[in-house]
PDB file of all heavy atoms in Angstrom:
ATOM      1  N   ARG A   1     -11.185 -15.338   7.514  1.00  0.00           N
ATOM      2  CA  ARG A   1     -10.732 -13.951   7.419  1.00  0.00           C
ATOM      3  C   ARG A   1      -9.226 -13.816   7.171  1.00  0.00           C
ATOM      4  O   ARG A   1      -8.768 -12.794   6.635  1.00  0.00           O
ATOM      5  CB  ARG A   1     -11.089 -13.211   8.710  1.00  0.00           C
ATOM      6  CG  ARG A   1     -11.103 -11.697   8.585  1.00  0.00           C
ATOM      7  CD  ARG A   1     -11.131 -11.035   9.944  1.00  0.00           C
ATOM      8  NE  ARG A   1      -9.906 -11.285  10.695  1.00  0.00           N
ATOM      9  CZ  ARG A   1      -8.771 -10.626  10.500  1.00  0.00           C
ATOM     10  NH1 ARG A   1      -8.702  -9.673   9.597  1.00  0.00           N
ATOM     11  NH2 ARG A   1      -7.704 -10.926  11.205  1.00  0.00           N
ATOM     12  N   SER A   2      -8.458 -14.839   7.536  1.00  0.00           N
ATOM     13  CA  SER A   2      -6.995 -14.716   7.484  1.00  0.00           C
ATOM     14  C   SER A   2      -6.444 -14.368   6.106  1.00  0.00           C
ATOM     15  O   SER A   2      -5.413 -13.669   6.027  1.00  0.00           O
ATOM     16  CB  SER A   2      -6.338 -16.002   8.009  1.00  0.00           C
ATOM     17  OG  SER A   2      -6.750 -17.128   7.262  1.00  0.00           O
ATOM     18  N   PRO A   3      -7.060 -14.806   4.985  1.00  0.00           N
ATOM     19  CA  PRO A   3      -6.511 -14.392   3.684  1.00  0.00           C
ATOM     20  C   PRO A   3      -6.509 -12.878   3.472  1.00  0.00           C
ATOM     21  O   PRO A   3      -5.786 -12.387   2.599  1.00  0.00           O
ATOM     22  CB  PRO A   3      -7.435 -15.089   2.677  1.00  0.00           C
ATOM     23  CG  PRO A   3      -7.934 -16.297   3.399  1.00  0.00           C
ATOM     24  CD  PRO A   3      -8.113 -15.836   4.816  1.00  0.00           C
ATOM     25  N   GLY A   4      -7.295 -12.149   4.255  1.00  0.00           N
ATOM     26  CA  GLY A   4      -7.284 -10.699   4.138  1.00  0.00           C
ATOM     27  C   GLY A   4      -5.920 -10.107   4.434  1.00  0.00           C
ATOM     28  O   GLY A   4      -5.543  -9.053   3.887  1.00  0.00           O
ATOM     29  N   GLU A   5      -5.151 -10.772   5.292  1.00  0.00           N
ATOM     30  CA  GLU A   5      -3.787 -10.315   5.577  1.00  0.00           C
ATOM     31  C   GLU A   5      -2.912 -10.404   4.329  1.00  0.00           C
ATOM     32  O   GLU A   5      -1.985  -9.615   4.153  1.00  0.00           O
ATOM     33  CB  GLU A   5      -3.178 -11.166   6.700  1.00  0.00           C
ATOM     34  CG  GLU A   5      -3.955 -11.132   8.018  1.00  0.00           C
ATOM     35  CD  GLU A   5      -3.864  -9.773   8.689  1.00  0.00           C
ATOM     36  OE1 GLU A   5      -2.915  -9.017   8.373  1.00  0.00           O
ATOM     37  OE2 GLU A   5      -4.743  -9.454   9.505  1.00  0.00           O
ATOM     38  N   ARG A   6      -3.247 -11.365   3.468  1.00  0.00           N
ATOM     39  CA  ARG A   6      -2.482 -11.524   2.233  1.00  0.00           C
ATOM     40  C   ARG A   6      -2.673 -10.317   1.318  1.00  0.00           C
ATOM     41  O   ARG A   6      -1.750  -9.903   0.610  1.00  0.00           O
ATOM     42  CB  ARG A   6      -2.927 -12.799   1.518  1.00  0.00           C
ATOM     43  CG  ARG A   6      -2.026 -13.250   0.379  1.00  0.00           C
ATOM     44  CD  ARG A   6      -2.564 -14.511  -0.279  1.00  0.00           C
ATOM     45  NE  ARG A   6      -2.885 -15.519   0.718  1.00  0.00           N
ATOM     46  CZ  ARG A   6      -3.825 -16.444   0.567  1.00  0.00           C
ATOM     47  NH1 ARG A   6      -4.544 -16.482  -0.535  1.00  0.00           N
ATOM     48  NH2 ARG A   6      -4.046 -17.333   1.512  1.00  0.00           N
ATOM     49  N   ALA A   7      -3.879  -9.751   1.327  1.00  0.00           N
ATOM     50  CA  ALA A   7      -4.140  -8.581   0.491  1.00  0.00           C
ATOM     51  C   ALA A   7      -3.248  -7.417   0.901  1.00  0.00           C
ATOM     52  O   ALA A   7      -2.651  -6.741   0.047  1.00  0.00           O
ATOM     53  CB  ALA A   7      -5.615  -8.185   0.597  1.00  0.00           C
ATOM     54  N   ILE A   8      -3.154  -7.189   2.203  1.00  0.00           N
ATOM     55  CA  ILE A   8      -2.299  -6.104   2.685  1.00  0.00           C
ATOM     56  C   ILE A   8      -0.835  -6.408   2.405  1.00  0.00           C
ATOM     57  O   ILE A   8      -0.059  -5.523   2.031  1.00  0.00           O
ATOM     58  CB  ILE A   8      -2.550  -5.873   4.187  1.00  0.00           C
ATOM     59  CG1 ILE A   8      -3.964  -5.321   4.389  1.00  0.00           C
ATOM     60  CG2 ILE A   8      -1.515  -4.923   4.780  1.00  0.00           C
ATOM     61  CD1 ILE A   8      -4.381  -5.173   5.830  1.00  0.00           C
ATOM     62  N   ALA A   9      -0.453  -7.671   2.547  1.00  0.00           N
ATOM     63  CA  ALA A   9       0.937  -8.057   2.265  1.00  0.00           C
ATOM     64  C   ALA A   9       1.284  -7.813   0.801  1.00  0.00           C
ATOM     65  O   ALA A   9       2.407  -7.390   0.479  1.00  0.00           O
ATOM     66  CB  ALA A   9       1.157  -9.522   2.620  1.00  0.00           C
ATOM     67  N   GLN A  10       0.331  -8.068  -0.110  1.00  0.00           N
ATOM     68  CA  GLN A  10       0.577  -7.810  -1.526  1.00  0.00           C
ATOM     69  C   GLN A  10       0.830  -6.327  -1.774  1.00  0.00           C
ATOM     70  O   GLN A  10       1.727  -5.952  -2.532  1.00  0.00           O
ATOM     71  CB  GLN A  10      -0.622  -8.262  -2.361  1.00  0.00           C
ATOM     72  CG  GLN A  10      -0.780  -9.758  -2.474  1.00  0.00           C
ATOM     73  CD  GLN A  10      -1.989 -10.132  -3.309  1.00  0.00           C
ATOM     74  OE1 GLN A  10      -2.241  -9.558  -4.364  1.00  0.00           O
ATOM     75  NE2 GLN A  10      -2.755 -11.097  -2.834  1.00  0.00           N
ATOM     76  N   LEU A  11       0.038  -5.476  -1.141  1.00  0.00           N
ATOM     77  CA  LEU A  11       0.207  -4.040  -1.315  1.00  0.00           C
ATOM     78  C   LEU A  11       1.546  -3.578  -0.747  1.00  0.00           C
ATOM     79  O   LEU A  11       2.235  -2.739  -1.336  1.00  0.00           O
ATOM     80  CB  LEU A  11      -0.938  -3.283  -0.653  1.00  0.00           C
ATOM     81  CG  LEU A  11      -2.341  -3.533  -1.243  1.00  0.00           C
ATOM     82  CD1 LEU A  11      -3.393  -2.855  -0.393  1.00  0.00           C
ATOM     83  CD2 LEU A  11      -2.412  -3.036  -2.680  1.00  0.00           C
ATOM     84  N   LYS A  12       1.931  -4.160   0.395  1.00  0.00           N
ATOM     85  CA  LYS A  12       3.159  -3.714   1.042  1.00  0.00           C
ATOM     86  C   LYS A  12       4.413  -4.398   0.489  1.00  0.00           C
ATOM     87  O   LYS A  12       5.511  -4.178   0.994  1.00  0.00           O
ATOM     88  CB  LYS A  12       3.043  -3.884   2.556  1.00  0.00           C
ATOM     89  CG  LYS A  12       2.055  -2.890   3.162  1.00  0.00           C
ATOM     90  CD  LYS A  12       2.177  -2.771   4.656  1.00  0.00           C
ATOM     91  CE  LYS A  12       1.286  -1.659   5.182  1.00  0.00           C
ATOM     92  NZ  LYS A  12       1.389  -1.476   6.638  1.00  0.00           N
ATOM     93  N   GLN A  13       4.232  -5.213  -0.553  1.00  0.00           N
ATOM     94  CA  GLN A  13       5.407  -5.624  -1.321  1.00  0.00           C
ATOM     95  C   GLN A  13       6.063  -4.400  -1.945  1.00  0.00           C
ATOM     96  O   GLN A  13       7.262  -4.392  -2.219  1.00  0.00           O
ATOM     97  CB  GLN A  13       5.005  -6.579  -2.452  1.00  0.00           C
ATOM     98  CG  GLN A  13       4.615  -7.965  -2.028  1.00  0.00           C
ATOM     99  CD  GLN A  13       4.294  -8.833  -3.216  1.00  0.00           C
ATOM    100  OE1 GLN A  13       5.009  -9.765  -3.506  1.00  0.00           O
ATOM    101  NE2 GLN A  13       3.232  -8.532  -3.924  1.00  0.00           N
ATOM    102  N   TRP A  14       5.242  -3.380  -2.196  1.00  0.00           N
ATOM    103  CA  TRP A  14       5.724  -2.122  -2.760  1.00  0.00           C
ATOM    104  C   TRP A  14       6.304  -1.308  -1.617  1.00  0.00           C
ATOM    105  O   TRP A  14       5.593  -0.854  -0.718  1.00  0.00           O
ATOM    106  CB  TRP A  14       4.580  -1.399  -3.456  1.00  0.00           C
ATOM    107  CG  TRP A  14       3.989  -2.186  -4.586  1.00  0.00           C
ATOM    108  CD1 TRP A  14       3.216  -3.314  -4.481  1.00  0.00           C
ATOM    109  CD2 TRP A  14       4.153  -1.943  -5.985  1.00  0.00           C
ATOM    110  NE1 TRP A  14       2.877  -3.773  -5.729  1.00  0.00           N
ATOM    111  CE2 TRP A  14       3.436  -2.953  -6.677  1.00  0.00           C
ATOM    112  CE3 TRP A  14       4.820  -0.960  -6.714  1.00  0.00           C
ATOM    113  CZ2 TRP A  14       3.378  -3.004  -8.065  1.00  0.00           C
ATOM    114  CZ3 TRP A  14       4.760  -1.006  -8.105  1.00  0.00           C
ATOM    115  CH2 TRP A  14       4.052  -2.016  -8.759  1.00  0.00           C
ATOM    116  N   ALA A  15       7.610  -1.138  -1.622  1.00  0.00           N
ATOM    117  CA  ALA A  15       8.330  -0.567  -0.481  1.00  0.00           C
ATOM    118  C   ALA A  15       7.839   0.820  -0.096  1.00  0.00           C
ATOM    119  O   ALA A  15       7.950   1.216   1.069  1.00  0.00           O
ATOM    120  CB  ALA A  15       9.827  -0.528  -0.775  1.00  0.00           C
ATOM    121  N   ILE A  16       7.270   1.556  -1.042  1.00  0.00           N
ATOM    122  CA  ILE A  16       6.803   2.904  -0.744  1.00  0.00           C
ATOM    123  C   ILE A  16       5.739   2.891   0.352  1.00  0.00           C
ATOM    124  O   ILE A  16       5.606   3.858   1.116  1.00  0.00           O
ATOM    125  CB  ILE A  16       6.241   3.570  -2.029  1.00  0.00           C
ATOM    126  CG1 ILE A  16       6.030   5.065  -1.811  1.00  0.00           C
ATOM    127  CG2 ILE A  16       4.951   2.897  -2.477  1.00  0.00           C
ATOM    128  CD1 ILE A  16       7.290   5.855  -1.681  1.00  0.00           C
ATOM    129  N   LEU A  17       4.991   1.775   0.483  1.00  0.00           N
ATOM    130  CA  LEU A  17       3.923   1.694   1.469  1.00  0.00           C
ATOM    131  C   LEU A  17       4.398   1.188   2.833  1.00  0.00           C
ATOM    132  O   LEU A  17       3.598   1.094   3.758  1.00  0.00           O
ATOM    133  CB  LEU A  17       2.789   0.795   0.960  1.00  0.00           C
ATOM    134  CG  LEU A  17       2.043   1.303  -0.276  1.00  0.00           C
ATOM    135  CD1 LEU A  17       0.912   0.353  -0.646  1.00  0.00           C
ATOM    136  CD2 LEU A  17       1.506   2.710  -0.050  1.00  0.00           C
ATOM    137  N   ARG A  18       5.673   0.868   2.955  1.00  0.00           N
ATOM    138  CA  ARG A  18       6.183   0.435   4.254  1.00  0.00           C
ATOM    139  C   ARG A  18       6.531   1.632   5.132  1.00  0.00           C
ATOM    140  O   ARG A  18       6.430   1.549   6.356  1.00  0.00           O
ATOM    141  CB  ARG A  18       7.412  -0.459   4.068  1.00  0.00           C
ATOM    142  CG  ARG A  18       7.080  -1.762   3.351  1.00  0.00           C
ATOM    143  CD  ARG A  18       8.331  -2.568   3.082  1.00  0.00           C
ATOM    144  NE  ARG A  18       8.114  -3.510   1.984  1.00  0.00           N
ATOM    145  CZ  ARG A  18       9.074  -4.015   1.239  1.00  0.00           C
ATOM    146  NH1 ARG A  18      10.334  -3.661   1.469  1.00  0.00           N
ATOM    147  NH2 ARG A  18       8.798  -4.847   0.257  1.00  0.00           N
ATOM    148  N   ARG A  19       6.931   2.708   4.494  1.00  0.00           N
ATOM    149  CA  ARG A  19       7.201   3.938   5.240  1.00  0.00           C
ATOM    150  C   ARG A  19       7.244   5.120   4.286  1.00  0.00           C
ATOM    151  O   ARG A  19       8.124   5.191   3.432  1.00  0.00           O
ATOM    152  CB  ARG A  19       8.510   3.859   6.023  1.00  0.00           C
ATOM    153  CG  ARG A  19       8.677   5.027   6.994  1.00  0.00           C
ATOM    154  CD  ARG A  19       9.874   4.845   7.890  1.00  0.00           C
ATOM    155  NE  ARG A  19       9.815   5.774   9.005  1.00  0.00           N
ATOM    156  CZ  ARG A  19       9.183   5.532  10.153  1.00  0.00           C
ATOM    157  NH1 ARG A  19       8.555   4.391  10.331  1.00  0.00           N
ATOM    158  NH2 ARG A  19       9.169   6.433  11.121  1.00  0.00           N
ATOM    159  N   LEU A  20       6.287   6.021   4.434  1.00  0.00           N
ATOM    160  CA  LEU A  20       6.236   7.197   3.577  1.00  0.00           C
ATOM    161  C   LEU A  20       7.235   8.245   4.044  1.00  0.00           C
ATOM    162  O   LEU A  20       7.376   8.482   5.242  1.00  0.00           O
ATOM    163  CB  LEU A  20       4.832   7.808   3.600  1.00  0.00           C
ATOM    164  CG  LEU A  20       3.707   7.044   2.899  1.00  0.00           C
ATOM    165  CD1 LEU A  20       2.410   7.826   3.035  1.00  0.00           C
ATOM    166  CD2 LEU A  20       4.024   6.797   1.436  1.00  0.00           C
ATOM    167  N   ARG A  21       7.869   8.869   3.092  1.00  0.00           N
ATOM    168  CA  ARG A  21       8.759   9.999   3.398  1.00  0.00           C
ATOM    169  C   ARG A  21       8.312  11.240   2.629  1.00  0.00           C
ATOM    170  O   ARG A  21       9.109  12.057   2.216  1.00  0.00           O
ATOM    171  CB  ARG A  21      10.205   9.626   3.077  1.00  0.00           C
ATOM    172  CG  ARG A  21      10.759   8.596   4.053  1.00  0.00           C
ATOM    173  CD  ARG A  21      12.182   8.189   3.737  1.00  0.00           C
ATOM    174  NE  ARG A  21      12.712   7.332   4.785  1.00  0.00           N
ATOM    175  CZ  ARG A  21      12.482   6.016   4.875  1.00  0.00           C
ATOM    176  NH1 ARG A  21      11.722   5.427   3.976  1.00  0.00           N
ATOM    177  NH2 ARG A  21      12.995   5.314   5.859  1.00  0.00           N
ATOM    178  N   CYS A  22       7.006  11.320   2.441  1.00  0.00           N
ATOM    179  CA  CYS A  22       6.413  12.475   1.779  1.00  0.00           C
ATOM    180  C   CYS A  22       5.257  12.952   2.655  1.00  0.00           C
ATOM    181  O   CYS A  22       5.106  12.500   3.798  1.00  0.00           O
ATOM    182  CB  CYS A  22       5.918  12.107   0.380  1.00  0.00           C
ATOM    183  SG  CYS A  22       4.661  10.808   0.369  1.00  0.00           S
ATOM    184  N   CYS A  23       4.441  13.858   2.151  1.00  0.00           N
ATOM    185  CA  CYS A  23       3.291  14.333   2.914  1.00  0.00           C
ATOM    186  C   CYS A  23       2.384  13.156   3.260  1.00  0.00           C
ATOM    187  O   CYS A  23       1.955  12.413   2.358  1.00  0.00           O
ATOM    188  CB  CYS A  23       2.524  15.368   2.106  1.00  0.00           C
ATOM    189  SG  CYS A  23       0.981  15.904   2.888  1.00  0.00           S
ATOM    190  N   PRO A  24       2.066  12.927   4.549  1.00  0.00           N
ATOM    191  CA  PRO A  24       1.221  11.791   4.923  1.00  0.00           C
ATOM    192  C   PRO A  24      -0.134  11.782   4.231  1.00  0.00           C
ATOM    193  O   PRO A  24      -0.715  10.718   4.005  1.00  0.00           O
ATOM    194  CB  PRO A  24       1.067  11.960   6.440  1.00  0.00           C
ATOM    195  CG  PRO A  24       2.221  12.784   6.866  1.00  0.00           C
ATOM    196  CD  PRO A  24       2.514  13.702   5.718  1.00  0.00           C
ATOM    197  N   ASN A  25      -0.637  12.955   3.883  1.00  0.00           N
ATOM    198  CA  ASN A  25      -1.949  13.030   3.253  1.00  0.00           C
ATOM    199  C   ASN A  25      -1.974  12.426   1.853  1.00  0.00           C
ATOM    200  O   ASN A  25      -3.048  12.263   1.275  1.00  0.00           O
ATOM    201  CB  ASN A  25      -2.430  14.484   3.199  1.00  0.00           C
ATOM    202  CG  ASN A  25      -2.730  15.027   4.581  1.00  0.00           C
ATOM    203  OD1 ASN A  25      -3.284  14.331   5.432  1.00  0.00           O
ATOM    204  ND2 ASN A  25      -2.357  16.262   4.841  1.00  0.00           N
ATOM    205  N   ARG A  26      -0.800  12.101   1.308  1.00  0.00           N
ATOM    206  CA  ARG A  26      -0.743  11.445   0.005  1.00  0.00           C
ATOM    207  C   ARG A  26      -0.844   9.926   0.116  1.00  0.00           C
ATOM    208  O   ARG A  26      -0.852   9.220  -0.897  1.00  0.00           O
ATOM    209  CB  ARG A  26       0.552  11.809  -0.724  1.00  0.00           C
ATOM    210  CG  ARG A  26       0.654  13.288  -1.112  1.00  0.00           C
ATOM    211  CD  ARG A  26       1.763  13.529  -2.115  1.00  0.00           C
ATOM    212  NE  ARG A  26       1.537  12.792  -3.338  1.00  0.00           N
ATOM    213  CZ  ARG A  26       2.382  11.911  -3.860  1.00  0.00           C
ATOM    214  NH1 ARG A  26       3.518  11.635  -3.245  1.00  0.00           N
ATOM    215  NH2 ARG A  26       2.100  11.287  -4.990  1.00  0.00           N
ATOM    216  N   ALA A  27      -0.964   9.404   1.328  1.00  0.00           N
ATOM    217  CA  ALA A  27      -0.971   7.955   1.532  1.00  0.00           C
ATOM    218  C   ALA A  27      -2.099   7.273   0.768  1.00  0.00           C
ATOM    219  O   ALA A  27      -1.905   6.215   0.161  1.00  0.00           O
ATOM    220  CB  ALA A  27      -1.078   7.632   3.016  1.00  0.00           C
ATOM    221  N   GLY A  28      -3.287   7.871   0.796  1.00  0.00           N
ATOM    222  CA  GLY A  28      -4.420   7.259   0.109  1.00  0.00           C
ATOM    223  C   GLY A  28      -4.223   7.200  -1.388  1.00  0.00           C
ATOM    224  O   GLY A  28      -4.486   6.171  -2.030  1.00  0.00           O
ATOM    225  N   GLN A  29      -3.747   8.297  -1.959  1.00  0.00           N
ATOM    226  CA  GLN A  29      -3.522   8.333  -3.406  1.00  0.00           C
ATOM    227  C   GLN A  29      -2.454   7.335  -3.816  1.00  0.00           C
ATOM    228  O   GLN A  29      -2.618   6.604  -4.810  1.00  0.00           O
ATOM    229  CB  GLN A  29      -3.110   9.744  -3.827  1.00  0.00           C
ATOM    230  CG  GLN A  29      -2.920   9.900  -5.331  1.00  0.00           C
ATOM    231  CD  GLN A  29      -2.396  11.273  -5.695  1.00  0.00           C
ATOM    232  OE1 GLN A  29      -1.200  11.535  -5.618  1.00  0.00           O
ATOM    233  NE2 GLN A  29      -3.304  12.169  -6.070  1.00  0.00           N
ATOM    234  N   ILE A  30      -1.367   7.277  -3.064  1.00  0.00           N
ATOM    235  CA  ILE A  30      -0.292   6.346  -3.400  1.00  0.00           C
ATOM    236  C   ILE A  30      -0.772   4.901  -3.264  1.00  0.00           C
ATOM    237  O   ILE A  30      -0.470   4.053  -4.114  1.00  0.00           O
ATOM    238  CB  ILE A  30       0.935   6.599  -2.501  1.00  0.00           C
ATOM    239  CG1 ILE A  30       1.555   7.967  -2.835  1.00  0.00           C
ATOM    240  CG2 ILE A  30       1.976   5.503  -2.677  1.00  0.00           C
ATOM    241  CD1 ILE A  30       2.654   8.397  -1.888  1.00  0.00           C
ATOM    242  N   THR A  31      -1.533   4.613  -2.212  1.00  0.00           N
ATOM    243  CA  THR A  31      -2.036   3.249  -2.026  1.00  0.00           C
ATOM    244  C   THR A  31      -2.948   2.839  -3.165  1.00  0.00           C
ATOM    245  O   THR A  31      -2.879   1.710  -3.662  1.00  0.00           O
ATOM    246  CB  THR A  31      -2.790   3.133  -0.692  1.00  0.00           C
ATOM    247  OG1 THR A  31      -1.926   3.524   0.385  1.00  0.00           O
ATOM    248  CG2 THR A  31      -3.261   1.708  -0.451  1.00  0.00           C
ATOM    249  N   ARG A  32      -3.797   3.746  -3.625  1.00  0.00           N
ATOM    250  CA  ARG A  32      -4.704   3.420  -4.727  1.00  0.00           C
ATOM    251  C   ARG A  32      -3.949   3.257  -6.042  1.00  0.00           C
ATOM    252  O   ARG A  32      -4.327   2.445  -6.887  1.00  0.00           O
ATOM    253  CB  ARG A  32      -5.797   4.478  -4.817  1.00  0.00           C
ATOM    254  CG  ARG A  32      -6.762   4.421  -3.625  1.00  0.00           C
ATOM    255  CD  ARG A  32      -7.695   5.616  -3.570  1.00  0.00           C
ATOM    256  NE  ARG A  32      -8.630   5.640  -4.678  1.00  0.00           N
ATOM    257  CZ  ARG A  32      -9.738   4.907  -4.758  1.00  0.00           C
ATOM    258  NH1 ARG A  32     -10.043   4.062  -3.772  1.00  0.00           N
ATOM    259  NH2 ARG A  32     -10.549   4.988  -5.796  1.00  0.00           N
ATOM    260  N   ALA A  33      -2.885   4.016  -6.224  1.00  0.00           N
ATOM    261  CA  ALA A  33      -2.040   3.828  -7.407  1.00  0.00           C
ATOM    262  C   ALA A  33      -1.377   2.451  -7.365  1.00  0.00           C
ATOM    263  O   ALA A  33      -1.332   1.728  -8.372  1.00  0.00           O
ATOM    264  CB  ALA A  33      -0.985   4.925  -7.486  1.00  0.00           C
ATOM    265  N   VAL A  34      -0.864   2.080  -6.197  1.00  0.00           N
ATOM    266  CA  VAL A  34      -0.255   0.759  -6.037  1.00  0.00           C
ATOM    267  C   VAL A  34      -1.286  -0.336  -6.255  1.00  0.00           C
ATOM    268  O   VAL A  34      -0.998  -1.378  -6.857  1.00  0.00           O
ATOM    269  CB  VAL A  34       0.394   0.632  -4.643  1.00  0.00           C
ATOM    270  CG1 VAL A  34       0.730  -0.828  -4.325  1.00  0.00           C
ATOM    271  CG2 VAL A  34       1.649   1.485  -4.562  1.00  0.00           C
ATOM    272  N   LEU A  35      -2.520  -0.118  -5.788  1.00  0.00           N
ATOM    273  CA  LEU A  35      -3.587  -1.116  -5.976  1.00  0.00           C
ATOM    274  C   LEU A  35      -3.796  -1.422  -7.449  1.00  0.00           C
ATOM    275  O   LEU A  35      -3.847  -2.595  -7.846  1.00  0.00           O
ATOM    276  CB  LEU A  35      -4.885  -0.606  -5.349  1.00  0.00           C
ATOM    277  CG  LEU A  35      -6.144  -1.441  -5.654  1.00  0.00           C
ATOM    278  CD1 LEU A  35      -6.030  -2.830  -5.040  1.00  0.00           C
ATOM    279  CD2 LEU A  35      -7.395  -0.730  -5.150  1.00  0.00           C
ATOM    280  N   ILE A  36      -3.918  -0.388  -8.274  1.00  0.00           N
ATOM    281  CA  ILE A  36      -4.185  -0.629  -9.697  1.00  0.00           C
ATOM    282  C   ILE A  36      -3.005  -1.333 -10.356  1.00  0.00           C
ATOM    283  O   ILE A  36      -3.179  -2.200 -11.226  1.00  0.00           O
ATOM    284  CB  ILE A  36      -4.551   0.687 -10.415  1.00  0.00           C
ATOM    285  CG1 ILE A  36      -5.255   0.400 -11.731  1.00  0.00           C
ATOM    286  CG2 ILE A  36      -3.366   1.580 -10.635  1.00  0.00           C
ATOM    287  CD1 ILE A  36      -6.645  -0.155 -11.602  1.00  0.00           C
ATOM    288  N   LEU A  37      -1.796  -1.011  -9.918  1.00  0.00           N
ATOM    289  CA  LEU A  37      -0.617  -1.691 -10.461  1.00  0.00           C
ATOM    290  C   LEU A  37      -0.546  -3.149  -9.998  1.00  0.00           C
ATOM    291  O   LEU A  37      -0.220  -4.048 -10.770  1.00  0.00           O
ATOM    292  CB  LEU A  37       0.653  -0.943 -10.035  1.00  0.00           C
ATOM    293  CG  LEU A  37       0.845   0.456 -10.647  1.00  0.00           C
ATOM    294  CD1 LEU A  37       1.987   1.168  -9.956  1.00  0.00           C
ATOM    295  CD2 LEU A  37       1.091   0.376 -12.149  1.00  0.00           C
ATOM    296  N   GLN A  38      -0.861  -3.375  -8.725  1.00  0.00           N
ATOM    297  CA  GLN A  38      -0.819  -4.736  -8.189  1.00  0.00           C
ATOM    298  C   GLN A  38      -1.881  -5.624  -8.833  1.00  0.00           C
ATOM    299  O   GLN A  38      -1.635  -6.803  -9.103  1.00  0.00           O
ATOM    300  CB  GLN A  38      -0.993  -4.700  -6.670  1.00  0.00           C
ATOM    301  CG  GLN A  38      -0.980  -6.071  -5.998  1.00  0.00           C
ATOM    302  CD  GLN A  38       0.321  -6.826  -6.236  1.00  0.00           C
ATOM    303  OE1 GLN A  38       1.394  -6.241  -6.294  1.00  0.00           O
ATOM    304  NE2 GLN A  38       0.225  -8.144  -6.375  1.00  0.00           N
TER     305      GLN A  38
END
């Protein structure tokens, strides 16, 4: 299971996902946008 942590680490290479400074409800949309880019 430990490689699963790598998946989250890849997403959080994108600094926007380390701390949002916008409406929290946009977190899902931003994460999915980052996913397609990653």
